[in-house]
Amino acid sequence: MTTLLTARADGRVIGRCNQSCYASTGRRCQCICDGANHGLGFRQALNRNTKENRDALRVRLELRGHQDVQLDALPRQLELFP
């Protein structure tokens, strides 16, 4: 299962965005992306993991009381043949 985004705070993992989110057909998202990648499929979800999206997520997590939030994203690889 490919993890697109891992959030860490206070020295521990507080959430992930992985295949259970981006490949979901359900209506509820319970992962760390707050629904940004939910049901999009791998390629579209990977493209949504931009610096701007990570910064916005970091702010939301800090507003929820998490300190020193670090987000580790799967790097976006450029396509050779668009």
C-alpha atoms as a PDB file:
ATOM      1  CA  MET A   1       0.000   0.000   0.000  1.00  0.00           C
ATOM      2  CA  THR A   2       1.585   3.265  -1.121  1.00  0.00           C
ATOM      3  CA  THR A   3       1.497   6.061   1.441  1.00  0.00           C
ATOM      4  CA  LEU A   4       1.304   9.487  -0.176  1.00  0.00           C
ATOM      5  CA  LEU A   5       1.523  11.551   2.969  1.00  0.00           C
ATOM      6  CA  THR A   6       2.616  10.885   6.545  1.00  0.00           C
ATOM      7  CA  ALA A   7       2.083  13.413   9.324  1.00  0.00           C
ATOM      8  CA  ARG A   8       4.263  13.350  12.422  1.00  0.00           C
ATOM      9  CA  ALA A   9       3.993  15.455  15.554  1.00  0.00           C
ATOM     10  CA  ASP A  10       5.560  15.242  18.963  1.00  0.00           C
ATOM     11  CA  GLY A  11       7.848  12.445  17.756  1.00  0.00           C
ATOM     12  CA  ARG A  12       5.069  10.100  16.586  1.00  0.00           C
ATOM     13  CA  VAL A  13       2.986   9.393  13.489  1.00  0.00           C
ATOM     14  CA  ILE A  14      -0.411  11.077  13.825  1.00  0.00           C
ATOM     15  CA  GLY A  15      -1.854  10.059  10.470  1.00  0.00           C
ATOM     16  CA  ARG A  16      -1.340   8.908   6.898  1.00  0.00           C
ATOM     17  CA  CYS A  17      -2.943   9.275   3.498  1.00  0.00           C
ATOM     18  CA  ASN A  18      -2.669   6.012   1.586  1.00  0.00           C
ATOM     19  CA  GLN A  19      -4.522   3.662  -0.750  1.00  0.00           C
ATOM     20  CA  SER A  20      -7.417   3.285   1.668  1.00  0.00           C
ATOM     21  CA  CYS A  21      -8.126   6.971   0.959  1.00  0.00           C
ATOM     22  CA  TYR A  22      -7.199   7.718  -2.664  1.00  0.00           C
ATOM     23  CA  ALA A  23      -8.662   4.411  -3.923  1.00  0.00           C
ATOM     24  CA  SER A  24     -11.779   4.603  -1.762  1.00  0.00           C
ATOM     25  CA  THR A  25     -15.267   4.408  -3.187  1.00  0.00           C
ATOM     26  CA  GLY A  26     -16.884   5.290   0.135  1.00  0.00           C
ATOM     27  CA  ARG A  27     -18.160   8.708   1.093  1.00  0.00           C
ATOM     28  CA  ARG A  28     -16.257   9.321   4.338  1.00  0.00           C
ATOM     29  CA  CYS A  29     -12.600  10.217   4.581  1.00  0.00           C
ATOM     30  CA  GLN A  30     -10.885   9.562   7.880  1.00  0.00           C
ATOM     31  CA  CYS A  31      -7.270  10.049   6.883  1.00  0.00           C
ATOM     32  CA  ILE A  32      -4.888  12.937   7.379  1.00  0.00           C
ATOM     33  CA  CYS A  33      -5.654  14.692   4.076  1.00  0.00           C
ATOM     34  CA  ASP A  34      -9.113  15.791   5.307  1.00  0.00           C
ATOM     35  CA  GLY A  35     -10.684  14.547   2.084  1.00  0.00           C
ATOM     36  CA  ALA A  36      -8.341  16.319  -0.356  1.00  0.00           C
ATOM     37  CA  ASN A  37      -7.240  13.029  -1.965  1.00  0.00           C
ATOM     38  CA  HIS A  38     -10.319  10.921  -1.192  1.00  0.00           C
ATOM     39  CA  GLY A  39     -11.358   8.712  -4.104  1.00  0.00           C
ATOM     40  CA  LEU A  40      -9.158  10.540  -6.631  1.00  0.00           C
ATOM     41  CA  GLY A  41      -7.012   7.580  -7.663  1.00  0.00           C
ATOM     42  CA  PHE A  42      -3.253   7.382  -7.206  1.00  0.00           C
ATOM     43  CA  ARG A  43      -2.103   9.721  -9.995  1.00  0.00           C
ATOM     44  CA  GLN A  44      -4.478  12.562  -9.185  1.00  0.00           C
ATOM     45  CA  ALA A  45      -3.878  12.240  -5.458  1.00  0.00           C
ATOM     46  CA  LEU A  46      -0.122  12.343  -6.038  1.00  0.00           C
ATOM     47  CA  ASN A  47      -0.515  15.532  -8.061  1.00  0.00           C
ATOM     48  CA  ARG A  48      -2.499  17.121  -5.197  1.00  0.00           C
ATOM     49  CA  ASN A  49       0.432  16.696  -2.801  1.00  0.00           C
ATOM     50  CA  THR A  50       1.948  20.052  -3.635  1.00  0.00           C
ATOM     51  CA  LYS A  51       3.822  22.280  -1.229  1.00  0.00           C
ATOM     52  CA  GLU A  52       0.779  24.542  -0.915  1.00  0.00           C
ATOM     53  CA  ASN A  53      -1.485  21.651   0.113  1.00  0.00           C
ATOM     54  CA  ARG A  54       1.062  20.411   2.658  1.00  0.00           C
ATOM     55  CA  ASP A  55       1.404  23.890   4.164  1.00  0.00           C
ATOM     56  CA  ALA A  56      -2.385  24.242   4.525  1.00  0.00           C
ATOM     57  CA  LEU A  57      -2.619  20.800   6.155  1.00  0.00           C
ATOM     58  CA  ARG A  58       0.220  21.663   8.543  1.00  0.00           C
ATOM     59  CA  VAL A  59      -1.667  24.782   9.674  1.00  0.00           C
ATOM     60  CA  ARG A  60      -4.902  22.804  10.214  1.00  0.00           C
ATOM     61  CA  LEU A  61      -3.082  20.189  12.300  1.00  0.00           C
ATOM     62  CA  GLU A  62      -1.359  22.852  14.397  1.00  0.00           C
ATOM     63  CA  LEU A  63      -4.726  24.549  15.005  1.00  0.00           C
ATOM     64  CA  ARG A  64      -5.959  21.193  16.351  1.00  0.00           C
ATOM     65  CA  GLY A  65      -3.226  21.302  18.978  1.00  0.00           C
ATOM     66  CA  HIS A  66      -0.412  19.285  17.390  1.00  0.00           C
ATOM     67  CA  GLN A  67       3.019  20.833  17.845  1.00  0.00           C
ATOM     68  CA  ASP A  68       6.004  20.728  15.457  1.00  0.00           C
ATOM     69  CA  VAL A  69       4.071  19.013  12.655  1.00  0.00           C
ATOM     70  CA  GLN A  70       6.213  17.413   9.940  1.00  0.00           C
ATOM     71  CA  LEU A  71       4.701  16.149   6.702  1.00  0.00           C
ATOM     72  CA  ASP A  72       6.564  13.560   4.680  1.00  0.00           C
ATOM     73  CA  ALA A  73       5.157  13.301   1.163  1.00  0.00           C
ATOM     74  CA  LEU A  74       5.935  10.817  -1.542  1.00  0.00           C
ATOM     75  CA  PRO A  75       7.936  12.881  -4.033  1.00  0.00           C
ATOM     76  CA  ARG A  76       6.161  13.718  -7.262  1.00  0.00           C
ATOM     77  CA  GLN A  77       7.976  12.264 -10.235  1.00  0.00           C
ATOM     78  CA  LEU A  78       7.779  14.177 -13.470  1.00  0.00           C
ATOM     79  CA  GLU A  79       6.279  12.280 -16.381  1.00  0.00           C
ATOM     80  CA  LEU A  80       8.633  11.367 -19.212  1.00  0.00           C
ATOM     81  CA  PHE A  81       5.863  11.093 -21.766  1.00  0.00           C
ATOM     82  CA  PRO A  82       2.974  13.441 -20.867  1.00  0.00           C
END
